[in-house]
N, C-alpha and C. Protein backbone atom coordinates (compact mmCIF):
# COMPACT_ATOMS: atom_id res chain seq x y z
N MET A 1 7.27 7.80 18.09
CA MET A 1 6.44 7.80 16.91
C MET A 1 5.81 6.41 16.78
N ASP A 2 4.52 6.37 16.54
CA ASP A 2 3.81 5.12 16.36
C ASP A 2 4.12 4.52 15.01
N GLU A 3 4.14 3.21 14.96
CA GLU A 3 4.39 2.51 13.71
C GLU A 3 3.09 2.40 12.93
N VAL A 4 3.12 2.86 11.70
CA VAL A 4 1.94 2.81 10.83
C VAL A 4 1.96 1.47 10.10
N PRO A 5 0.94 0.63 10.29
CA PRO A 5 0.94 -0.66 9.58
C PRO A 5 0.78 -0.45 8.08
N GLY A 6 1.53 -1.20 7.32
CA GLY A 6 1.47 -1.10 5.87
C GLY A 6 2.57 -0.26 5.27
N THR A 7 3.37 0.42 6.10
CA THR A 7 4.46 1.22 5.58
C THR A 7 5.66 0.33 5.27
N THR A 8 6.64 0.91 4.63
CA THR A 8 7.84 0.18 4.27
C THR A 8 8.57 -0.25 5.53
N GLY A 9 8.94 -1.51 5.58
CA GLY A 9 9.68 -2.05 6.71
C GLY A 9 8.81 -2.75 7.74
N THR A 10 7.52 -2.86 7.50
CA THR A 10 6.63 -3.58 8.42
C THR A 10 6.17 -4.88 7.77
N SER A 11 5.63 -5.77 8.59
CA SER A 11 5.15 -7.04 8.05
C SER A 11 3.92 -6.84 7.17
N ALA A 12 3.08 -5.87 7.50
CA ALA A 12 1.93 -5.57 6.63
C ALA A 12 2.40 -4.98 5.30
N GLY A 13 3.45 -4.16 5.34
CA GLY A 13 4.03 -3.64 4.10
C GLY A 13 4.61 -4.76 3.26
N PHE A 14 5.23 -5.73 3.91
CA PHE A 14 5.75 -6.89 3.18
C PHE A 14 4.62 -7.66 2.50
N ALA A 15 3.50 -7.83 3.21
CA ALA A 15 2.36 -8.54 2.63
C ALA A 15 1.78 -7.76 1.45
N LEU A 16 1.70 -6.43 1.56
CA LEU A 16 1.20 -5.63 0.45
C LEU A 16 2.11 -5.76 -0.77
N ARG A 17 3.41 -5.68 -0.56
CA ARG A 17 4.36 -5.78 -1.69
C ARG A 17 4.33 -7.18 -2.31
N LEU A 18 4.21 -8.19 -1.48
CA LEU A 18 4.13 -9.55 -2.02
C LEU A 18 2.85 -9.74 -2.82
N GLY A 19 1.75 -9.17 -2.34
CA GLY A 19 0.50 -9.23 -3.09
C GLY A 19 0.60 -8.49 -4.42
N GLN A 20 1.26 -7.33 -4.41
CA GLN A 20 1.48 -6.59 -5.66
C GLN A 20 2.24 -7.44 -6.67
N THR A 21 3.29 -8.08 -6.19
CA THR A 21 4.12 -8.91 -7.07
C THR A 21 3.32 -10.07 -7.64
N ILE A 22 2.53 -10.72 -6.81
CA ILE A 22 1.75 -11.87 -7.25
C ILE A 22 0.67 -11.45 -8.24
N PHE A 23 -0.07 -10.38 -7.92
CA PHE A 23 -1.15 -9.95 -8.82
C PHE A 23 -0.62 -9.41 -10.15
N SER A 24 0.47 -8.66 -10.10
CA SER A 24 1.01 -8.15 -11.37
C SER A 24 1.63 -9.27 -12.20
N SER A 25 2.21 -10.27 -11.56
CA SER A 25 2.72 -11.43 -12.30
C SER A 25 1.58 -12.21 -12.93
N ALA A 26 0.49 -12.38 -12.18
CA ALA A 26 -0.67 -13.08 -12.73
C ALA A 26 -1.26 -12.31 -13.91
N SER A 27 -1.32 -10.99 -13.79
CA SER A 27 -1.84 -10.17 -14.89
C SER A 27 -0.97 -10.32 -16.13
N LEU A 28 0.32 -10.28 -15.94
CA LEU A 28 1.25 -10.43 -17.07
C LEU A 28 1.14 -11.81 -17.69
N LEU A 29 1.04 -12.85 -16.87
CA LEU A 29 0.93 -14.20 -17.41
C LEU A 29 -0.37 -14.42 -18.17
N PHE A 30 -1.49 -13.95 -17.61
CA PHE A 30 -2.76 -14.13 -18.32
C PHE A 30 -2.77 -13.36 -19.63
N MET A 31 -2.16 -12.20 -19.66
CA MET A 31 -2.14 -11.42 -20.89
C MET A 31 -1.22 -12.06 -21.93
N SER A 32 -0.07 -12.55 -21.50
CA SER A 32 0.89 -13.10 -22.47
C SER A 32 0.47 -14.46 -22.99
N PHE A 33 -0.34 -15.21 -22.23
CA PHE A 33 -0.84 -16.48 -22.73
C PHE A 33 -2.04 -16.29 -23.64
N GLY A 34 -2.48 -15.06 -23.82
CA GLY A 34 -3.66 -14.77 -24.63
C GLY A 34 -3.46 -14.90 -26.11
N GLY A 35 -2.26 -14.96 -26.57
CA GLY A 35 -2.03 -15.13 -28.00
C GLY A 35 -1.66 -13.84 -28.69
N GLN A 36 -2.63 -13.09 -29.14
CA GLN A 36 -2.36 -11.91 -29.94
C GLN A 36 -2.65 -10.62 -29.18
N PHE A 37 -2.09 -10.47 -28.00
CA PHE A 37 -2.30 -9.25 -27.24
C PHE A 37 -1.62 -8.06 -27.89
N TYR A 38 -0.59 -8.30 -28.69
CA TYR A 38 0.16 -7.22 -29.32
C TYR A 38 -0.63 -6.53 -30.42
N SER A 39 -1.81 -7.04 -30.76
CA SER A 39 -2.66 -6.39 -31.76
C SER A 39 -3.36 -5.15 -31.22
N TYR A 40 -3.41 -5.01 -29.89
CA TYR A 40 -4.10 -3.90 -29.26
C TYR A 40 -3.10 -3.11 -28.41
N THR A 41 -3.10 -1.81 -28.61
CA THR A 41 -2.13 -0.95 -27.92
C THR A 41 -2.32 -0.96 -26.41
N SER A 42 -3.56 -0.99 -25.96
CA SER A 42 -3.80 -0.96 -24.52
C SER A 42 -3.30 -2.24 -23.85
N PHE A 43 -3.38 -3.37 -24.54
CA PHE A 43 -2.84 -4.61 -23.97
C PHE A 43 -1.32 -4.57 -23.91
N CYS A 44 -0.70 -3.99 -24.93
CA CYS A 44 0.76 -3.83 -24.91
C CYS A 44 1.18 -2.90 -23.78
N PHE A 45 0.39 -1.85 -23.55
CA PHE A 45 0.66 -0.92 -22.45
C PHE A 45 0.56 -1.64 -21.11
N LEU A 46 -0.44 -2.49 -20.95
CA LEU A 46 -0.60 -3.25 -19.71
C LEU A 46 0.58 -4.19 -19.48
N VAL A 47 1.02 -4.86 -20.53
CA VAL A 47 2.17 -5.76 -20.40
C VAL A 47 3.43 -4.98 -20.02
N THR A 48 3.62 -3.81 -20.61
CA THR A 48 4.79 -2.98 -20.29
C THR A 48 4.77 -2.52 -18.84
N ILE A 49 3.63 -2.04 -18.38
CA ILE A 49 3.53 -1.54 -17.00
C ILE A 49 3.68 -2.69 -16.01
N MET A 50 3.10 -3.84 -16.29
CA MET A 50 3.27 -4.98 -15.39
C MET A 50 4.73 -5.43 -15.37
N GLY A 51 5.39 -5.30 -16.51
CA GLY A 51 6.82 -5.61 -16.57
C GLY A 51 7.67 -4.66 -15.74
N LEU A 52 7.19 -3.44 -15.55
CA LEU A 52 7.88 -2.49 -14.68
C LEU A 52 7.50 -2.69 -13.21
N LEU A 53 6.25 -3.03 -12.96
CA LEU A 53 5.76 -3.15 -11.59
C LEU A 53 6.29 -4.38 -10.88
N ILE A 54 6.50 -5.46 -11.61
CA ILE A 54 6.97 -6.70 -10.97
C ILE A 54 8.33 -6.53 -10.31
N PRO A 55 9.37 -6.02 -11.01
CA PRO A 55 10.65 -5.87 -10.31
C PRO A 55 10.62 -4.82 -9.20
N TRP A 56 9.84 -3.74 -9.38
CA TRP A 56 9.73 -2.71 -8.34
C TRP A 56 9.10 -3.31 -7.08
N SER A 57 8.01 -4.01 -7.23
CA SER A 57 7.34 -4.59 -6.07
C SER A 57 8.17 -5.70 -5.44
N PHE A 58 8.84 -6.49 -6.25
CA PHE A 58 9.65 -7.58 -5.71
C PHE A 58 10.85 -7.03 -4.95
N ALA A 59 11.48 -6.00 -5.49
CA ALA A 59 12.63 -5.40 -4.79
C ALA A 59 12.21 -4.78 -3.46
N LEU A 60 11.06 -4.11 -3.46
CA LEU A 60 10.59 -3.53 -2.20
C LEU A 60 10.09 -4.61 -1.24
N ALA A 61 9.58 -5.73 -1.75
CA ALA A 61 9.21 -6.84 -0.87
C ALA A 61 10.46 -7.44 -0.22
N LEU A 62 11.53 -7.55 -0.99
CA LEU A 62 12.79 -8.01 -0.40
C LEU A 62 13.30 -7.05 0.66
N LEU A 63 13.20 -5.75 0.38
CA LEU A 63 13.61 -4.74 1.36
C LEU A 63 12.75 -4.81 2.62
N ASP A 64 11.45 -4.98 2.45
CA ASP A 64 10.56 -5.10 3.60
C ASP A 64 10.84 -6.37 4.40
N GLY A 65 11.07 -7.47 3.69
CA GLY A 65 11.37 -8.72 4.37
C GLY A 65 12.66 -8.64 5.17
N TYR A 66 13.66 -8.04 4.59
CA TYR A 66 14.93 -7.86 5.30
C TYR A 66 14.74 -6.94 6.50
N SER A 67 13.97 -5.90 6.33
CA SER A 67 13.73 -4.96 7.42
C SER A 67 12.93 -5.60 8.55
N VAL A 68 11.99 -6.47 8.21
CA VAL A 68 11.21 -7.16 9.23
C VAL A 68 12.09 -8.16 9.98
N LEU A 69 12.95 -8.88 9.26
CA LEU A 69 13.83 -9.84 9.93
C LEU A 69 14.84 -9.15 10.84
N ARG A 70 15.31 -7.98 10.44
CA ARG A 70 16.26 -7.22 11.27
C ARG A 70 15.57 -6.37 12.32
N THR A 71 14.25 -6.31 12.26
CA THR A 71 13.41 -5.50 13.16
C THR A 71 13.85 -4.04 13.22
N CYS A 72 14.20 -3.50 12.07
CA CYS A 72 14.51 -2.07 12.01
C CYS A 72 13.80 -1.48 10.79
N PRO A 73 12.64 -0.86 11.00
CA PRO A 73 11.91 -0.29 9.86
C PRO A 73 12.68 0.88 9.25
N ILE A 74 12.43 1.10 7.97
CA ILE A 74 13.11 2.16 7.22
C ILE A 74 12.47 3.49 7.57
N ARG A 75 13.25 4.40 8.12
CA ARG A 75 12.73 5.69 8.53
C ARG A 75 13.59 6.85 8.03
N GLN A 76 14.31 6.66 6.92
CA GLN A 76 15.05 7.78 6.34
C GLN A 76 14.12 8.51 5.39
N LYS A 77 14.09 9.82 5.53
CA LYS A 77 13.15 10.63 4.76
C LYS A 77 13.41 10.53 3.26
N GLY A 78 14.67 10.57 2.84
CA GLY A 78 15.01 10.51 1.41
C GLY A 78 14.62 9.19 0.79
N THR A 79 14.89 8.10 1.48
CA THR A 79 14.54 6.77 0.96
C THR A 79 13.03 6.62 0.85
N LEU A 80 12.33 7.05 1.88
CA LEU A 80 10.88 6.95 1.86
C LEU A 80 10.25 7.85 0.80
N LEU A 81 10.85 9.01 0.54
CA LEU A 81 10.35 9.90 -0.50
C LEU A 81 10.50 9.26 -1.88
N ILE A 82 11.62 8.61 -2.13
CA ILE A 82 11.83 7.92 -3.42
C ILE A 82 10.81 6.79 -3.58
N ILE A 83 10.56 6.06 -2.51
CA ILE A 83 9.59 4.97 -2.56
C ILE A 83 8.18 5.51 -2.82
N VAL A 84 7.82 6.60 -2.17
CA VAL A 84 6.49 7.19 -2.36
C VAL A 84 6.32 7.70 -3.79
N ILE A 85 7.32 8.39 -4.31
CA ILE A 85 7.23 8.91 -5.69
C ILE A 85 7.15 7.76 -6.69
N GLY A 86 7.98 6.73 -6.51
CA GLY A 86 7.92 5.57 -7.40
C GLY A 86 6.59 4.85 -7.32
N ASP A 87 6.06 4.72 -6.11
CA ASP A 87 4.75 4.08 -5.95
C ASP A 87 3.64 4.87 -6.63
N TRP A 88 3.65 6.19 -6.46
CA TRP A 88 2.60 7.02 -7.06
C TRP A 88 2.67 6.96 -8.58
N MET A 89 3.87 7.02 -9.12
CA MET A 89 4.01 6.96 -10.58
C MET A 89 3.53 5.61 -11.11
N LEU A 90 3.98 4.52 -10.51
CA LEU A 90 3.58 3.21 -10.99
C LEU A 90 2.11 2.92 -10.72
N ALA A 91 1.57 3.44 -9.62
CA ALA A 91 0.14 3.25 -9.36
C ALA A 91 -0.70 3.97 -10.39
N THR A 92 -0.30 5.17 -10.77
CA THR A 92 -1.03 5.92 -11.79
C THR A 92 -0.96 5.20 -13.14
N LEU A 93 0.23 4.74 -13.50
CA LEU A 93 0.38 4.01 -14.76
C LEU A 93 -0.38 2.69 -14.74
N THR A 94 -0.40 2.01 -13.60
CA THR A 94 -1.13 0.75 -13.49
C THR A 94 -2.63 0.97 -13.63
N LEU A 95 -3.14 2.03 -13.00
CA LEU A 95 -4.56 2.33 -13.13
C LEU A 95 -4.91 2.66 -14.57
N GLY A 96 -4.07 3.42 -15.24
CA GLY A 96 -4.32 3.74 -16.65
C GLY A 96 -4.30 2.51 -17.54
N ALA A 97 -3.33 1.64 -17.30
CA ALA A 97 -3.22 0.43 -18.12
C ALA A 97 -4.38 -0.52 -17.85
N ALA A 98 -4.76 -0.68 -16.59
CA ALA A 98 -5.88 -1.56 -16.27
C ALA A 98 -7.19 -1.02 -16.82
N SER A 99 -7.38 0.29 -16.73
CA SER A 99 -8.61 0.90 -17.25
C SER A 99 -8.69 0.79 -18.77
N SER A 100 -7.58 1.02 -19.44
CA SER A 100 -7.61 0.93 -20.90
C SER A 100 -7.81 -0.51 -21.36
N ALA A 101 -7.21 -1.47 -20.66
CA ALA A 101 -7.41 -2.87 -21.02
C ALA A 101 -8.86 -3.29 -20.75
N ALA A 102 -9.43 -2.80 -19.66
CA ALA A 102 -10.83 -3.13 -19.37
C ALA A 102 -11.77 -2.51 -20.39
N SER A 103 -11.48 -1.30 -20.84
CA SER A 103 -12.36 -0.67 -21.83
C SER A 103 -12.26 -1.38 -23.18
N VAL A 104 -11.08 -1.82 -23.56
CA VAL A 104 -10.95 -2.58 -24.81
C VAL A 104 -11.66 -3.92 -24.67
N MET A 105 -11.59 -4.53 -23.50
CA MET A 105 -12.32 -5.78 -23.27
C MET A 105 -13.82 -5.56 -23.40
N ASN A 106 -14.31 -4.44 -22.90
CA ASN A 106 -15.73 -4.13 -23.02
C ASN A 106 -16.12 -3.99 -24.49
N ILE A 107 -15.28 -3.33 -25.25
CA ILE A 107 -15.55 -3.18 -26.69
C ILE A 107 -15.52 -4.53 -27.40
N LEU A 108 -14.53 -5.36 -27.06
CA LEU A 108 -14.43 -6.67 -27.70
C LEU A 108 -15.61 -7.58 -27.37
N LEU A 109 -16.10 -7.47 -26.14
CA LEU A 109 -17.21 -8.33 -25.73
C LEU A 109 -18.55 -7.87 -26.27
N THR A 110 -18.71 -6.56 -26.50
CA THR A 110 -20.00 -6.06 -26.98
C THR A 110 -20.05 -5.88 -28.49
N ALA A 111 -18.94 -6.10 -29.18
CA ALA A 111 -18.91 -5.94 -30.63
C ALA A 111 -19.67 -7.07 -31.30
N ASP A 112 -20.29 -6.75 -32.41
CA ASP A 112 -20.99 -7.77 -33.18
C ASP A 112 -19.97 -8.58 -33.98
N GLY A 113 -20.22 -9.84 -34.07
CA GLY A 113 -19.33 -10.68 -34.85
C GLY A 113 -18.30 -11.38 -33.99
N PHE A 114 -17.43 -12.10 -34.66
CA PHE A 114 -16.41 -12.91 -33.99
C PHE A 114 -15.13 -12.08 -33.85
N VAL A 115 -14.94 -11.48 -32.69
CA VAL A 115 -13.77 -10.63 -32.47
C VAL A 115 -12.64 -11.42 -31.85
N CYS A 116 -12.93 -12.13 -30.78
CA CYS A 116 -11.91 -12.97 -30.16
C CYS A 116 -12.58 -14.21 -29.59
N PRO A 117 -11.86 -15.33 -29.55
CA PRO A 117 -12.42 -16.54 -28.97
C PRO A 117 -12.74 -16.34 -27.49
N PRO A 118 -13.74 -17.03 -26.96
CA PRO A 118 -14.16 -16.82 -25.57
C PRO A 118 -13.05 -17.08 -24.55
N ASN A 119 -12.22 -18.10 -24.78
CA ASN A 119 -11.17 -18.38 -23.80
C ASN A 119 -10.09 -17.29 -23.81
N VAL A 120 -9.83 -16.70 -24.96
CA VAL A 120 -8.84 -15.62 -25.04
C VAL A 120 -9.40 -14.36 -24.37
N CYS A 121 -10.67 -14.05 -24.63
CA CYS A 121 -11.29 -12.88 -24.00
C CYS A 121 -11.34 -13.03 -22.48
N SER A 122 -11.59 -14.24 -22.00
CA SER A 122 -11.63 -14.43 -20.55
C SER A 122 -10.24 -14.26 -19.95
N ARG A 123 -9.20 -14.66 -20.67
CA ARG A 123 -7.83 -14.43 -20.17
C ARG A 123 -7.50 -12.95 -20.11
N TYR A 124 -7.91 -12.21 -21.13
CA TYR A 124 -7.68 -10.77 -21.12
C TYR A 124 -8.45 -10.11 -19.99
N MET A 125 -9.66 -10.58 -19.73
CA MET A 125 -10.46 -10.02 -18.64
C MET A 125 -9.82 -10.32 -17.29
N LEU A 126 -9.34 -11.54 -17.11
CA LEU A 126 -8.64 -11.88 -15.87
C LEU A 126 -7.38 -11.04 -15.70
N SER A 127 -6.70 -10.78 -16.77
CA SER A 127 -5.50 -9.95 -16.70
C SER A 127 -5.84 -8.54 -16.23
N ALA A 128 -6.92 -7.98 -16.76
CA ALA A 128 -7.35 -6.64 -16.33
C ALA A 128 -7.78 -6.64 -14.86
N ILE A 129 -8.46 -7.70 -14.43
CA ILE A 129 -8.89 -7.79 -13.02
C ILE A 129 -7.67 -7.84 -12.10
N PHE A 130 -6.69 -8.66 -12.46
CA PHE A 130 -5.49 -8.75 -11.63
C PHE A 130 -4.70 -7.43 -11.65
N ALA A 131 -4.75 -6.71 -12.75
CA ALA A 131 -4.09 -5.41 -12.80
C ALA A 131 -4.78 -4.42 -11.86
N PHE A 132 -6.11 -4.45 -11.80
CA PHE A 132 -6.82 -3.59 -10.86
C PHE A 132 -6.50 -3.96 -9.41
N LEU A 133 -6.41 -5.25 -9.12
CA LEU A 133 -6.05 -5.68 -7.77
C LEU A 133 -4.63 -5.24 -7.41
N SER A 134 -3.74 -5.33 -8.36
CA SER A 134 -2.37 -4.88 -8.14
C SER A 134 -2.33 -3.37 -7.90
N TRP A 135 -3.14 -2.62 -8.67
CA TRP A 135 -3.22 -1.18 -8.46
C TRP A 135 -3.74 -0.86 -7.06
N PHE A 136 -4.75 -1.58 -6.61
CA PHE A 136 -5.32 -1.32 -5.29
C PHE A 136 -4.28 -1.51 -4.20
N LEU A 137 -3.50 -2.58 -4.28
CA LEU A 137 -2.46 -2.81 -3.27
C LEU A 137 -1.34 -1.78 -3.37
N SER A 138 -0.99 -1.41 -4.58
CA SER A 138 0.06 -0.41 -4.78
C SER A 138 -0.37 0.95 -4.23
N MET A 139 -1.60 1.32 -4.49
CA MET A 139 -2.10 2.60 -3.98
C MET A 139 -2.22 2.58 -2.46
N THR A 140 -2.62 1.45 -1.91
CA THR A 140 -2.72 1.33 -0.46
C THR A 140 -1.36 1.52 0.20
N SER A 141 -0.35 0.83 -0.30
CA SER A 141 0.97 0.96 0.31
C SER A 141 1.54 2.36 0.12
N SER A 142 1.28 2.98 -1.03
CA SER A 142 1.80 4.33 -1.23
C SER A 142 1.08 5.34 -0.34
N LEU A 143 -0.20 5.15 -0.08
CA LEU A 143 -0.91 6.05 0.84
C LEU A 143 -0.39 5.90 2.27
N PHE A 144 -0.12 4.66 2.69
CA PHE A 144 0.44 4.46 4.02
C PHE A 144 1.82 5.11 4.16
N ASN A 145 2.64 4.96 3.13
CA ASN A 145 3.96 5.58 3.17
C ASN A 145 3.87 7.11 3.12
N LEU A 146 2.92 7.63 2.35
CA LEU A 146 2.73 9.08 2.30
C LEU A 146 2.23 9.60 3.64
N TRP A 147 1.43 8.82 4.34
CA TRP A 147 0.94 9.19 5.65
C TRP A 147 2.09 9.26 6.67
N LEU A 148 3.07 8.39 6.52
CA LEU A 148 4.21 8.37 7.43
C LEU A 148 5.24 9.47 7.12
N LEU A 149 5.33 9.88 5.86
CA LEU A 149 6.37 10.79 5.42
C LEU A 149 6.41 12.11 6.20
N PRO A 150 5.30 12.81 6.46
CA PRO A 150 5.41 14.09 7.18
C PRO A 150 5.89 13.95 8.63
N SER A 151 5.70 12.78 9.23
CA SER A 151 6.10 12.61 10.62
C SER A 151 7.61 12.40 10.76
N LEU A 152 8.30 12.20 9.66
CA LEU A 152 9.76 12.05 9.73
C LEU A 152 10.34 13.41 9.77
């Protein structure tokens, strides 16, 4: 069986998981330094999902790193199925949270009057951008793992 790059237990998979962890941490930090993010439900949703995605991605990055160092990729069907289901669930939630935060940012930026200070709005916008980048990496790794799953 050929090794699919980007799946769990490969160096490309480790890079994807590390990128997920970095982007979701950046999204959480930019949102939490924004001041009053708790005034908007979509921002609270983004913070909650990023709080779930960071430990998931970090744990899988550790698993990938260990697997790369031991040179034995993970090829158990049950383990890979749990990883694929977790990735799909978190990727869907991340896309929803990033989209809702981006739509609220659009409303805040186009509203008449003084809604939020420019530096706070730019932090919220950066948080949404990093959430989208995290979603892209999460979806990429889950698609690679889903591609490998039937061959087991």
